[in-house]
Amino acid sequence: MSDENEQECPPCPAGLPGWLATFADLMSLLMCFFVLLLSFSEMDVLKFKQLAGSMREAFGVQNQIKVEDIPKGTSIIAQEFSPGRPEPTPLNEVRQMTVNNDMNTLDIRSKEGESENLDKQQGEAEQLQQMQQQMEKEAKEQAVKFATALAQEIGDGSVEVETDERKIIIRVKEKGSFSSGSAELKFEYIPVMAKIRDVLIEVEGEVSIEGHTDNVPYSGRTFLSNWDLSAARALAVANELFDDPRIDQSKYQVIGHAATKPLVPNNTANNRATNRRVEIVIQKGKDKELLEKIQARGLGDTEGARLAPNEIF
């Protein structure tokens, strides 16, 4: 090729090529994107330490250490912890449970402490049973006082006195006390209530005056139902007792049960007459009061056993 045919290259434009500016913008955006990702991320130190502990156990590192005292140091999981059950009593054996690596507290157990707790519970049960027996004995003694004061009425069959564990029950029958379908206490029965009141003044405990009827629907016009009649009879007995200002009325409650709590089935006339009654129930020390007395002596909550059966005078 001759020199005539040879062509010269056109001159190159001044400055950088246009594609380089686009490439630089792309690189800048990518750098900013990865910097933002790095700023958003954080290292989970706890997971890292758990992973390190798992690897240590996998490679056969011994993790059972003889403990001479209650541990108070640090572990691979938690930087600080305290004994699980700090007690002032000396421990004859210290054990650390390390089965679960996620635990950040120690469970310190003592065979001697468990034995002491068992002995304490047995002592509490014995104390409660003794207190129940004492209250039952007092209930029987006071029931004898009522039976002595009401000996004539008991012989006539108009009054019954019995005990039920810590309860004293004085059962006023309809015979001689109320007319049929009436809630007005008979005049000749007022001296009997005076005898009961004289003994009640000396007796401690909560008193409940409860009226009862048979299952025959009330047909009179004075009351709406047997509920009204039973409550009115109980209130009549209470009012007679409250005539004496020495009676502490805050310990009394008046209840009408109608025919919901019969003594015997209402299938004969005699049984229905038995169920028509007013009961004066004296509670010697409720379960709540027993627990309060035990706690006042430094004992704990416990449950006593049922004691002697009923006694009827």
C-alpha atoms as a PDB file:
ATOM      1  CA  MET A   1       0.000   0.000   0.000  1.00  0.00           C
ATOM      2  CA  SER A   2       1.403   3.298  -0.990  1.00  0.00           C
ATOM      3  CA  ASP A   3       1.700   6.324   1.125  1.00  0.00           C
ATOM      4  CA  GLU A   4      -0.991   7.977  -0.909  1.00  0.00           C
ATOM      5  CA  ASN A   5      -3.542   5.417   0.022  1.00  0.00           C
ATOM      6  CA  GLU A   6      -2.693   5.587   3.775  1.00  0.00           C
ATOM      7  CA  GLN A   7      -5.225   7.614   5.799  1.00  0.00           C
ATOM      8  CA  GLU A   8      -4.522   9.429   9.011  1.00  0.00           C
ATOM      9  CA  CYS A   9      -6.469   8.639  12.269  1.00  0.00           C
ATOM     10  CA  PRO A  10      -8.876  11.388  13.208  1.00  0.00           C
ATOM     11  CA  PRO A  11      -7.866  13.285  16.320  1.00  0.00           C
ATOM     12  CA  CYS A  12      -9.292  11.992  19.647  1.00  0.00           C
ATOM     13  CA  PRO A  13     -11.621  14.291  21.559  1.00  0.00           C
ATOM     14  CA  ALA A  14     -10.271  15.875  24.741  1.00  0.00           C
ATOM     15  CA  GLY A  15     -11.295  14.530  28.241  1.00  0.00           C
ATOM     16  CA  LEU A  16     -12.329  11.100  29.624  1.00  0.00           C
ATOM     17  CA  PRO A  17     -14.602   8.802  27.715  1.00  0.00           C
ATOM     18  CA  GLY A  18     -18.330   8.974  28.496  1.00  0.00           C
ATOM     19  CA  TRP A  19     -18.668   5.366  29.772  1.00  0.00           C
ATOM     20  CA  LEU A  20     -16.217   6.003  32.583  1.00  0.00           C
ATOM     21  CA  ALA A  21     -18.560   8.458  34.300  1.00  0.00           C
ATOM     22  CA  THR A  22     -21.367   5.867  34.380  1.00  0.00           C
ATOM     23  CA  PHE A  23     -18.975   3.223  35.740  1.00  0.00           C
ATOM     24  CA  ALA A  24     -17.784   5.552  38.521  1.00  0.00           C
ATOM     25  CA  ASP A  25     -21.372   6.332  39.573  1.00  0.00           C
ATOM     26  CA  LEU A  26     -22.165   2.610  39.735  1.00  0.00           C
ATOM     27  CA  MET A  27     -19.114   1.846  41.885  1.00  0.00           C
ATOM     28  CA  SER A  28     -19.989   4.716  44.277  1.00  0.00           C
ATOM     29  CA  LEU A  29     -23.537   3.451  44.720  1.00  0.00           C
ATOM     30  CA  LEU A  30     -22.325  -0.108  45.401  1.00  0.00           C
ATOM     31  CA  MET A  31     -19.833   1.124  47.995  1.00  0.00           C
ATOM     32  CA  CYS A  32     -22.533   3.151  49.782  1.00  0.00           C
ATOM     33  CA  PHE A  33     -24.865   0.128  49.748  1.00  0.00           C
ATOM     34  CA  PHE A  34     -22.344  -2.183  51.415  1.00  0.00           C
ATOM     35  CA  VAL A  35     -21.376   0.489  53.957  1.00  0.00           C
ATOM     36  CA  LEU A  36     -25.037   0.781  54.953  1.00  0.00           C
ATOM     37  CA  LEU A  37     -25.333  -3.017  55.259  1.00  0.00           C
ATOM     38  CA  LEU A  38     -22.298  -3.080  57.526  1.00  0.00           C
ATOM     39  CA  SER A  39     -23.693  -0.267  59.694  1.00  0.00           C
ATOM     40  CA  PHE A  40     -27.034  -2.077  60.117  1.00  0.00           C
ATOM     41  CA  SER A  41     -25.471  -5.389  61.141  1.00  0.00           C
ATOM     42  CA  GLU A  42     -24.387  -6.296  64.686  1.00  0.00           C
ATOM     43  CA  MET A  43     -22.659  -9.285  66.246  1.00  0.00           C
ATOM     44  CA  ASP A  44     -24.642 -11.514  68.627  1.00  0.00           C
ATOM     45  CA  VAL A  45     -22.078 -12.082  71.373  1.00  0.00           C
ATOM     46  CA  LEU A  46     -24.312 -14.519  73.297  1.00  0.00           C
ATOM     47  CA  LYS A  47     -24.788 -16.772  70.287  1.00  0.00           C
ATOM     48  CA  PHE A  48     -21.086 -16.620  69.588  1.00  0.00           C
ATOM     49  CA  LYS A  49     -20.255 -17.720  73.147  1.00  0.00           C
ATOM     50  CA  GLN A  50     -22.828 -20.527  73.003  1.00  0.00           C
ATOM     51  CA  LEU A  51     -21.278 -21.708  69.758  1.00  0.00           C
ATOM     52  CA  ALA A  52     -17.827 -21.585  71.311  1.00  0.00           C
ATOM     53  CA  GLY A  53     -19.073 -23.614  74.294  1.00  0.00           C
ATOM     54  CA  SER A  54     -20.677 -26.229  72.058  1.00  0.00           C
ATOM     55  CA  MET A  55     -17.450 -26.600  70.096  1.00  0.00           C
ATOM     56  CA  ARG A  56     -15.482 -26.979  73.325  1.00  0.00           C
ATOM     57  CA  GLU A  57     -17.782 -29.762  74.517  1.00  0.00           C
ATOM     58  CA  ALA A  58     -17.680 -31.439  71.104  1.00  0.00           C
ATOM     59  CA  PHE A  59     -13.882 -31.627  71.267  1.00  0.00           C
ATOM     60  CA  GLY A  60     -14.029 -33.408  74.654  1.00  0.00           C
ATOM     61  CA  VAL A  61     -13.197 -30.618  77.086  1.00  0.00           C
ATOM     62  CA  GLN A  62     -14.073 -31.642  80.677  1.00  0.00           C
ATOM     63  CA  ASN A  63     -16.949 -29.487  82.055  1.00  0.00           C
ATOM     64  CA  GLN A  64     -17.500 -31.113  85.472  1.00  0.00           C
ATOM     65  CA  ILE A  65     -15.597 -29.271  88.187  1.00  0.00           C
ATOM     66  CA  LYS A  66     -15.487 -30.253  91.853  1.00  0.00           C
ATOM     67  CA  VAL A  67     -17.185 -27.448  93.800  1.00  0.00           C
ATOM     68  CA  GLU A  68     -15.725 -26.694  97.223  1.00  0.00           C
ATOM     69  CA  ASP A  69     -18.028 -23.752  97.955  1.00  0.00           C
ATOM     70  CA  ILE A  70     -21.097 -21.988  96.570  1.00  0.00           C
ATOM     71  CA  PRO A  71     -19.946 -20.662  93.136  1.00  0.00           C
ATOM     72  CA  LYS A  72     -19.883 -16.887  92.892  1.00  0.00           C
ATOM     73  CA  GLY A  73     -17.876 -16.393  89.693  1.00  0.00           C
ATOM     74  CA  THR A  74     -18.827 -16.075  86.061  1.00  0.00           C
ATOM     75  CA  SER A  75     -19.821 -18.583  83.413  1.00  0.00           C
ATOM     76  CA  ILE A  76     -19.509 -18.645  79.649  1.00  0.00           C
ATOM     77  CA  ILE A  77     -23.157 -17.631  79.329  1.00  0.00           C
ATOM     78  CA  ALA A  78     -23.866 -15.171  82.154  1.00  0.00           C
ATOM     79  CA  GLN A  79     -21.389 -12.663  83.474  1.00  0.00           C
ATOM     80  CA  GLU A  80     -22.889 -12.592  86.951  1.00  0.00           C
ATOM     81  CA  PHE A  81     -25.260 -14.707  89.006  1.00  0.00           C
ATOM     82  CA  SER A  82     -26.076 -15.467  92.636  1.00  0.00           C
ATOM     83  CA  PRO A  83     -26.919 -18.729  94.446  1.00  0.00           C
ATOM     84  CA  GLY A  84     -30.461 -19.909  93.760  1.00  0.00           C
ATOM     85  CA  ARG A  85     -31.467 -20.534  97.388  1.00  0.00           C
ATOM     86  CA  PRO A  86     -29.329 -18.580  99.868  1.00  0.00           C
ATOM     87  CA  GLU A  87     -30.011 -19.838 103.375  1.00  0.00           C
ATOM     88  CA  PRO A  88     -28.180 -19.153 106.621  1.00  0.00           C
ATOM     89  CA  THR A  89     -28.102 -22.847 107.536  1.00  0.00           C
ATOM     90  CA  PRO A  90     -24.845 -24.745 106.849  1.00  0.00           C
ATOM     91  CA  LEU A  91     -24.930 -26.977 103.789  1.00  0.00           C
ATOM     92  CA  ASN A  92     -23.471 -30.427 104.001  1.00  0.00           C
ATOM     93  CA  GLU A  93     -23.523 -30.899 100.247  1.00  0.00           C
ATOM     94  CA  VAL A  94     -23.223 -28.395  97.400  1.00  0.00           C
ATOM     95  CA  ARG A  95     -24.327 -29.388  93.912  1.00  0.00           C
ATOM     96  CA  GLN A  96     -24.373 -27.366  90.719  1.00  0.00           C
ATOM     97  CA  MET A  97     -26.711 -28.273  87.867  1.00  0.00           C
ATOM     98  CA  THR A  98     -24.980 -27.616  84.511  1.00  0.00           C
ATOM     99  CA  VAL A  99     -27.029 -29.813  82.172  1.00  0.00           C
ATOM    100  CA  ASN A 100     -28.630 -26.828  80.429  1.00  0.00           C
ATOM    101  CA  ASN A 101     -26.098 -24.286  79.185  1.00  0.00           C
ATOM    102  CA  ASP A 102     -28.792 -21.596  78.909  1.00  0.00           C
ATOM    103  CA  MET A 103     -29.264 -21.469  82.703  1.00  0.00           C
ATOM    104  CA  ASN A 104     -27.898 -18.321  84.321  1.00  0.00           C
ATOM    105  CA  THR A 105     -28.598 -19.322  87.927  1.00  0.00           C
ATOM    106  CA  LEU A 106     -27.456 -22.162  90.123  1.00  0.00           C
ATOM    107  CA  ASP A 107     -29.722 -24.562  92.019  1.00  0.00           C
ATOM    108  CA  ILE A 108     -28.185 -25.261  95.407  1.00  0.00           C
ATOM    109  CA  ARG A 109     -29.766 -28.179  97.236  1.00  0.00           C
ATOM    110  CA  SER A 110     -29.185 -29.675 100.637  1.00  0.00           C
ATOM    111  CA  LYS A 111     -30.388 -33.038 101.900  1.00  0.00           C
ATOM    112  CA  GLU A 112     -30.190 -31.729 105.442  1.00  0.00           C
ATOM    113  CA  GLY A 113     -32.485 -28.795 104.591  1.00  0.00           C
ATOM    114  CA  GLU A 114     -35.074 -31.086 103.003  1.00  0.00           C
ATOM    115  CA  SER A 115     -35.112 -33.273 106.099  1.00  0.00           C
ATOM    116  CA  GLU A 116     -35.602 -30.249 108.370  1.00  0.00           C
ATOM    117  CA  ASN A 117     -38.567 -29.063 106.264  1.00  0.00           C
ATOM    118  CA  LEU A 118     -40.204 -32.495 106.519  1.00  0.00           C
ATOM    119  CA  ASP A 119     -39.786 -32.552 110.304  1.00  0.00           C
ATOM    120  CA  LYS A 120     -41.256 -29.043 110.521  1.00  0.00           C
ATOM    121  CA  GLN A 121     -44.334 -30.021 108.508  1.00  0.00           C
ATOM    122  CA  GLN A 122     -44.938 -33.045 110.724  1.00  0.00           C
ATOM    123  CA  GLY A 123     -44.651 -30.855 113.811  1.00  0.00           C
ATOM    124  CA  GLU A 124     -47.159 -28.381 112.363  1.00  0.00           C
ATOM    125  CA  ALA A 125     -49.670 -31.159 111.669  1.00  0.00           C
ATOM    126  CA  GLU A 126     -49.343 -32.433 115.250  1.00  0.00           C
ATOM    127  CA  GLN A 127     -49.832 -28.928 116.658  1.00  0.00           C
ATOM    128  CA  LEU A 128     -52.975 -28.371 114.576  1.00  0.00           C
ATOM    129  CA  GLN A 129     -54.431 -31.721 115.579  1.00  0.00           C
ATOM    130  CA  GLN A 130     -53.807 -30.959 119.246  1.00  0.00           C
ATOM    131  CA  MET A 131     -55.566 -27.591 118.913  1.00  0.00           C
ATOM    132  CA  GLN A 132     -58.535 -29.246 117.198  1.00  0.00           C
ATOM    133  CA  GLN A 133     -58.767 -31.866 119.916  1.00  0.00           C
ATOM    134  CA  GLN A 134     -58.665 -29.138 122.578  1.00  0.00           C
ATOM    135  CA  MET A 135     -61.494 -27.211 120.898  1.00  0.00           C
ATOM    136  CA  GLU A 136     -63.555 -30.370 120.498  1.00  0.00           C
ATOM    137  CA  LYS A 137     -63.077 -31.108 124.188  1.00  0.00           C
ATOM    138  CA  GLU A 138     -64.258 -27.595 125.069  1.00  0.00           C
ATOM    139  CA  ALA A 139     -67.294 -28.010 122.800  1.00  0.00           C
ATOM    140  CA  LYS A 140     -68.269 -31.227 124.586  1.00  0.00           C
ATOM    141  CA  GLU A 141     -67.887 -29.629 128.016  1.00  0.00           C
ATOM    142  CA  GLN A 142     -70.039 -26.662 127.045  1.00  0.00           C
ATOM    143  CA  ALA A 143     -72.614 -28.955 125.432  1.00  0.00           C
ATOM    144  CA  VAL A 144     -72.907 -30.692 128.813  1.00  0.00           C
ATOM    145  CA  LYS A 145     -73.674 -27.289 130.387  1.00  0.00           C
ATOM    146  CA  PHE A 146     -76.491 -26.717 127.906  1.00  0.00           C
ATOM    147  CA  ALA A 147     -77.819 -30.234 128.446  1.00  0.00           C
ATOM    148  CA  THR A 148     -77.794 -29.724 132.231  1.00  0.00           C
ATOM    149  CA  ALA A 149     -79.603 -26.381 131.983  1.00  0.00           C
ATOM    150  CA  LEU A 150     -82.194 -27.793 129.553  1.00  0.00           C
ATOM    151  CA  ALA A 151     -82.607 -31.211 131.162  1.00  0.00           C
ATOM    152  CA  GLN A 152     -86.386 -30.820 131.561  1.00  0.00           C
ATOM    153  CA  GLU A 153     -86.920 -29.654 127.979  1.00  0.00           C
ATOM    154  CA  ILE A 154     -84.716 -32.453 126.643  1.00  0.00           C
ATOM    155  CA  GLY A 155     -86.815 -34.918 128.609  1.00  0.00           C
ATOM    156  CA  ASP A 156     -90.001 -33.442 127.125  1.00  0.00           C
ATOM    157  CA  GLY A 157     -88.591 -33.803 123.614  1.00  0.00           C
ATOM    158  CA  SER A 158     -88.861 -30.116 122.754  1.00  0.00           C
ATOM    159  CA  VAL A 159     -85.088 -29.457 122.721  1.00  0.00           C
ATOM    160  CA  GLU A 160     -82.049 -31.456 121.603  1.00  0.00           C
ATOM    161  CA  VAL A 161     -78.367 -30.735 122.258  1.00  0.00           C
ATOM    162  CA  GLU A 162     -75.574 -32.393 120.263  1.00  0.00           C
ATOM    163  CA  THR A 163     -71.967 -31.844 119.206  1.00  0.00           C
ATOM    164  CA  ASP A 164     -70.451 -32.174 115.749  1.00  0.00           C
ATOM    165  CA  GLU A 165     -66.666 -31.933 116.066  1.00  0.00           C
ATOM    166  CA  ARG A 166     -66.167 -28.264 117.080  1.00  0.00           C
ATOM    167  CA  LYS A 167     -69.881 -27.393 116.776  1.00  0.00           C
ATOM    168  CA  ILE A 168     -72.541 -27.271 119.477  1.00  0.00           C
ATOM    169  CA  ILE A 169     -76.076 -27.591 118.092  1.00  0.00           C
ATOM    170  CA  ILE A 170     -79.116 -26.628 120.203  1.00  0.00           C
ATOM    171  CA  ARG A 171     -82.173 -27.806 118.283  1.00  0.00           C
ATOM    172  CA  VAL A 172     -85.437 -26.043 119.209  1.00  0.00           C
ATOM    173  CA  LYS A 173     -88.297 -28.134 117.843  1.00  0.00           C
ATOM    174  CA  GLU A 174     -91.629 -26.748 116.715  1.00  0.00           C
ATOM    175  CA  LYS A 175     -93.351 -28.662 119.513  1.00  0.00           C
ATOM    176  CA  GLY A 176     -94.044 -26.153 122.309  1.00  0.00           C
ATOM    177  CA  SER A 177     -92.177 -23.255 120.659  1.00  0.00           C
ATOM    178  CA  PHE A 178     -94.290 -22.172 117.651  1.00  0.00           C
ATOM    179  CA  SER A 179     -97.850 -22.694 116.527  1.00  0.00           C
ATOM    180  CA  SER A 180     -98.388 -24.302 113.135  1.00  0.00           C
ATOM    181  CA  GLY A 181     -97.646 -21.823 110.354  1.00  0.00           C
ATOM    182  CA  SER A 182     -96.716 -19.097 112.862  1.00  0.00           C
ATOM    183  CA  ALA A 183     -93.404 -17.351 113.560  1.00  0.00           C
ATOM    184  CA  GLU A 184     -94.420 -15.940 116.944  1.00  0.00           C
ATOM    185  CA  LEU A 185     -92.612 -17.566 119.851  1.00  0.00           C
ATOM    186  CA  LYS A 186     -95.040 -18.928 122.444  1.00  0.00           C
ATOM    187  CA  PHE A 187     -95.100 -17.108 125.779  1.00  0.00           C
ATOM    188  CA  GLU A 188     -94.541 -20.270 127.812  1.00  0.00           C
ATOM    189  CA  TYR A 189     -91.355 -20.971 125.811  1.00  0.00           C
ATOM    190  CA  ILE A 190     -89.673 -17.678 126.783  1.00  0.00           C
ATOM    191  CA  PRO A 191     -88.158 -19.126 130.023  1.00  0.00           C
ATOM    192  CA  VAL A 192     -86.525 -21.849 127.916  1.00  0.00           C
ATOM    193  CA  MET A 193     -84.867 -19.199 125.752  1.00  0.00           C
ATOM    194  CA  ALA A 194     -83.675 -17.470 128.940  1.00  0.00           C
ATOM    195  CA  LYS A 195     -81.899 -20.681 130.006  1.00  0.00           C
ATOM    196  CA  ILE A 196     -80.217 -20.949 126.611  1.00  0.00           C
ATOM    197  CA  ARG A 197     -79.213 -17.278 126.737  1.00  0.00           C
ATOM    198  CA  ASP A 198     -77.619 -17.599 130.195  1.00  0.00           C
ATOM    199  CA  VAL A 199     -75.290 -20.324 128.924  1.00  0.00           C
ATOM    200  CA  LEU A 200     -74.639 -18.612 125.573  1.00  0.00           C
ATOM    201  CA  ILE A 201     -73.229 -15.568 127.354  1.00  0.00           C
ATOM    202  CA  GLU A 202     -70.411 -17.702 128.773  1.00  0.00           C
ATOM    203  CA  VAL A 203     -69.618 -19.505 125.500  1.00  0.00           C
ATOM    204  CA  GLU A 204     -67.059 -18.209 122.992  1.00  0.00           C
ATOM    205  CA  GLY A 205     -67.480 -18.687 119.260  1.00  0.00           C
ATOM    206  CA  GLU A 206     -69.580 -17.681 116.288  1.00  0.00           C
ATOM    207  CA  VAL A 207     -73.327 -18.351 116.644  1.00  0.00           C
ATOM    208  CA  SER A 208     -75.702 -19.057 113.765  1.00  0.00           C
ATOM    209  CA  ILE A 209     -79.482 -19.158 114.304  1.00  0.00           C
ATOM    210  CA  GLU A 210     -80.996 -21.220 111.487  1.00  0.00           C
ATOM    211  CA  GLY A 211     -84.679 -21.806 110.731  1.00  0.00           C
ATOM    212  CA  HIS A 212     -85.972 -24.957 108.981  1.00  0.00           C
ATOM    213  CA  THR A 213     -89.354 -26.150 107.687  1.00  0.00           C
ATOM    214  CA  ASP A 214     -90.753 -29.272 106.036  1.00  0.00           C
ATOM    215  CA  ASN A 215     -91.431 -29.610 102.304  1.00  0.00           C
ATOM    216  CA  VAL A 216     -95.166 -28.861 102.493  1.00  0.00           C
ATOM    217  CA  PRO A 217     -95.780 -25.526 100.691  1.00  0.00           C
ATOM    218  CA  TYR A 218     -96.905 -22.707 102.943  1.00  0.00           C
ATOM    219  CA  SER A 219    -100.609 -21.990 102.393  1.00  0.00           C
ATOM    220  CA  GLY A 220    -101.252 -19.078 104.751  1.00  0.00           C
ATOM    221  CA  ARG A 221    -101.363 -15.361 104.036  1.00  0.00           C
ATOM    222  CA  THR A 222     -98.803 -14.096 106.544  1.00  0.00           C
ATOM    223  CA  PHE A 223     -95.753 -15.317 104.613  1.00  0.00           C
ATOM    224  CA  LEU A 224     -94.997 -15.800 100.938  1.00  0.00           C
ATOM    225  CA  SER A 225     -93.286 -19.189 101.251  1.00  0.00           C
ATOM    226  CA  ASN A 226     -91.457 -21.551 103.578  1.00  0.00           C
ATOM    227  CA  TRP A 227     -88.365 -19.378 103.093  1.00  0.00           C
ATOM    228  CA  ASP A 228     -90.100 -16.458 104.769  1.00  0.00           C
ATOM    229  CA  LEU A 229     -91.460 -18.673 107.518  1.00  0.00           C
ATOM    230  CA  SER A 230     -88.077 -20.269 108.350  1.00  0.00           C
ATOM    231  CA  ALA A 231     -86.293 -16.907 108.380  1.00  0.00           C
ATOM    232  CA  ALA A 232     -89.038 -15.319 110.522  1.00  0.00           C
ATOM    233  CA  ARG A 233     -88.842 -18.121 113.119  1.00  0.00           C
ATOM    234  CA  ALA A 234     -85.054 -17.826 113.295  1.00  0.00           C
ATOM    235  CA  LEU A 235     -85.398 -14.065 113.724  1.00  0.00           C
ATOM    236  CA  ALA A 236     -87.962 -14.531 116.498  1.00  0.00           C
ATOM    237  CA  VAL A 237     -85.505 -16.707 118.444  1.00  0.00           C
ATOM    238  CA  ALA A 238     -82.702 -14.194 117.817  1.00  0.00           C
ATOM    239  CA  ASN A 239     -84.781 -11.259 119.038  1.00  0.00           C
ATOM    240  CA  GLU A 240     -85.609 -13.115 122.241  1.00  0.00           C
ATOM    241  CA  LEU A 241     -81.900 -13.776 122.843  1.00  0.00           C
ATOM    242  CA  PHE A 242     -80.974 -10.174 122.047  1.00  0.00           C
ATOM    243  CA  ASP A 243     -83.248  -8.840 124.794  1.00  0.00           C
ATOM    244  CA  ASP A 244     -80.291  -9.285 127.132  1.00  0.00           C
ATOM    245  CA  PRO A 245     -77.730  -6.480 126.513  1.00  0.00           C
ATOM    246  CA  ARG A 246     -74.902  -8.816 127.522  1.00  0.00           C
ATOM    247  CA  ILE A 247     -75.294 -10.671 124.220  1.00  0.00           C
ATOM    248  CA  ASP A 248     -72.669  -9.641 121.643  1.00  0.00           C
ATOM    249  CA  GLN A 249     -74.792  -9.424 118.494  1.00  0.00           C
ATOM    250  CA  SER A 250     -71.719  -9.061 116.237  1.00  0.00           C
ATOM    251  CA  LYS A 251     -71.053 -12.803 116.666  1.00  0.00           C
ATOM    252  CA  TYR A 252     -74.550 -13.812 115.510  1.00  0.00           C
ATOM    253  CA  GLN A 253     -76.124 -14.426 112.133  1.00  0.00           C
ATOM    254  CA  VAL A 254     -79.730 -15.339 111.289  1.00  0.00           C
ATOM    255  CA  ILE A 255     -80.444 -17.722 108.373  1.00  0.00           C
ATOM    256  CA  GLY A 256     -83.560 -19.292 106.868  1.00  0.00           C
ATOM    257  CA  HIS A 257     -83.101 -22.645 105.077  1.00  0.00           C
ATOM    258  CA  ALA A 258     -86.750 -23.565 104.389  1.00  0.00           C
ATOM    259  CA  ALA A 259     -86.829 -27.296 103.497  1.00  0.00           C
ATOM    260  CA  THR A 260     -83.326 -27.483 101.965  1.00  0.00           C
ATOM    261  CA  LYS A 261     -81.624 -29.188 104.936  1.00  0.00           C
ATOM    262  CA  PRO A 262     -83.972 -31.828 106.394  1.00  0.00           C
ATOM    263  CA  LEU A 263     -82.828 -34.070 109.229  1.00  0.00           C
ATOM    264  CA  VAL A 264     -84.973 -36.974 107.984  1.00  0.00           C
ATOM    265  CA  PRO A 265     -86.944 -37.596 104.765  1.00  0.00           C
ATOM    266  CA  ASN A 266     -90.237 -35.697 104.576  1.00  0.00           C
ATOM    267  CA  ASN A 267     -92.264 -38.855 103.905  1.00  0.00           C
ATOM    268  CA  THR A 268     -94.321 -39.098 107.132  1.00  0.00           C
ATOM    269  CA  ALA A 269     -96.058 -36.693 109.470  1.00  0.00           C
ATOM    270  CA  ASN A 270     -93.603 -37.455 112.295  1.00  0.00           C
ATOM    271  CA  ASN A 271     -90.604 -36.846 110.045  1.00  0.00           C
ATOM    272  CA  ARG A 272     -92.031 -33.550 108.822  1.00  0.00           C
ATOM    273  CA  ALA A 273     -92.555 -32.472 112.430  1.00  0.00           C
ATOM    274  CA  THR A 274     -88.909 -33.355 113.149  1.00  0.00           C
ATOM    275  CA  ASN A 275     -87.704 -31.186 110.273  1.00  0.00           C
ATOM    276  CA  ARG A 276     -89.667 -28.150 111.504  1.00  0.00           C
ATOM    277  CA  ARG A 277     -87.127 -26.636 113.880  1.00  0.00           C
ATOM    278  CA  VAL A 278     -84.800 -23.742 114.756  1.00  0.00           C
ATOM    279  CA  GLU A 279     -81.144 -24.601 115.383  1.00  0.00           C
ATOM    280  CA  ILE A 280     -78.678 -22.509 117.407  1.00  0.00           C
ATOM    281  CA  VAL A 281     -75.273 -23.563 116.053  1.00  0.00           C
ATOM    282  CA  ILE A 282     -72.159 -22.504 117.987  1.00  0.00           C
ATOM    283  CA  GLN A 283     -68.909 -22.835 116.029  1.00  0.00           C
ATOM    284  CA  LYS A 284     -65.839 -23.297 118.236  1.00  0.00           C
ATOM    285  CA  GLY A 285     -62.878 -21.987 116.249  1.00  0.00           C
ATOM    286  CA  LYS A 286     -63.230 -21.971 112.470  1.00  0.00           C
ATOM    287  CA  ASP A 287     -60.480 -23.334 110.236  1.00  0.00           C
ATOM    288  CA  LYS A 288     -59.329 -19.796 109.446  1.00  0.00           C
ATOM    289  CA  GLU A 289     -59.022 -18.974 113.137  1.00  0.00           C
ATOM    290  CA  LEU A 290     -57.055 -22.170 113.744  1.00  0.00           C
ATOM    291  CA  LEU A 291     -54.584 -21.235 111.014  1.00  0.00           C
ATOM    292  CA  GLU A 292     -54.197 -17.730 112.431  1.00  0.00           C
ATOM    293  CA  LYS A 293     -53.439 -19.127 115.882  1.00  0.00           C
ATOM    294  CA  ILE A 294     -50.899 -21.555 114.446  1.00  0.00           C
ATOM    295  CA  GLN A 295     -49.199 -18.785 112.464  1.00  0.00           C
ATOM    296  CA  ALA A 296     -49.102 -16.639 115.590  1.00  0.00           C
ATOM    297  CA  ARG A 297     -47.139 -19.440 117.261  1.00  0.00           C
ATOM    298  CA  GLY A 298     -44.635 -19.482 114.418  1.00  0.00           C
ATOM    299  CA  LEU A 299     -46.067 -22.422 112.518  1.00  0.00           C
ATOM    300  CA  GLY A 300     -47.280 -22.678 108.943  1.00  0.00           C
ATOM    301  CA  ASP A 301     -50.393 -23.705 107.099  1.00  0.00           C
ATOM    302  CA  THR A 302     -51.416 -27.316 107.448  1.00  0.00           C
ATOM    303  CA  GLU A 303     -54.518 -29.449 107.402  1.00  0.00           C
ATOM    304  CA  GLY A 304     -55.833 -31.443 110.345  1.00  0.00           C
ATOM    305  CA  ALA A 305     -57.729 -34.693 110.403  1.00  0.00           C
ATOM    306  CA  ARG A 306     -61.407 -35.222 111.231  1.00  0.00           C
ATOM    307  CA  LEU A 307     -61.837 -36.185 114.858  1.00  0.00           C
ATOM    308  CA  ALA A 308     -64.614 -37.824 116.884  1.00  0.00           C
ATOM    309  CA  PRO A 309     -68.168 -38.427 115.580  1.00  0.00           C
ATOM    310  CA  ASN A 310     -71.304 -36.626 116.762  1.00  0.00           C
ATOM    311  CA  GLU A 311     -72.583 -36.936 120.311  1.00  0.00           C
ATOM    312  CA  ILE A 312     -76.244 -36.296 121.145  1.00  0.00           C
ATOM    313  CA  PHE A 313     -77.395 -35.482 124.678  1.00  0.00           C
END
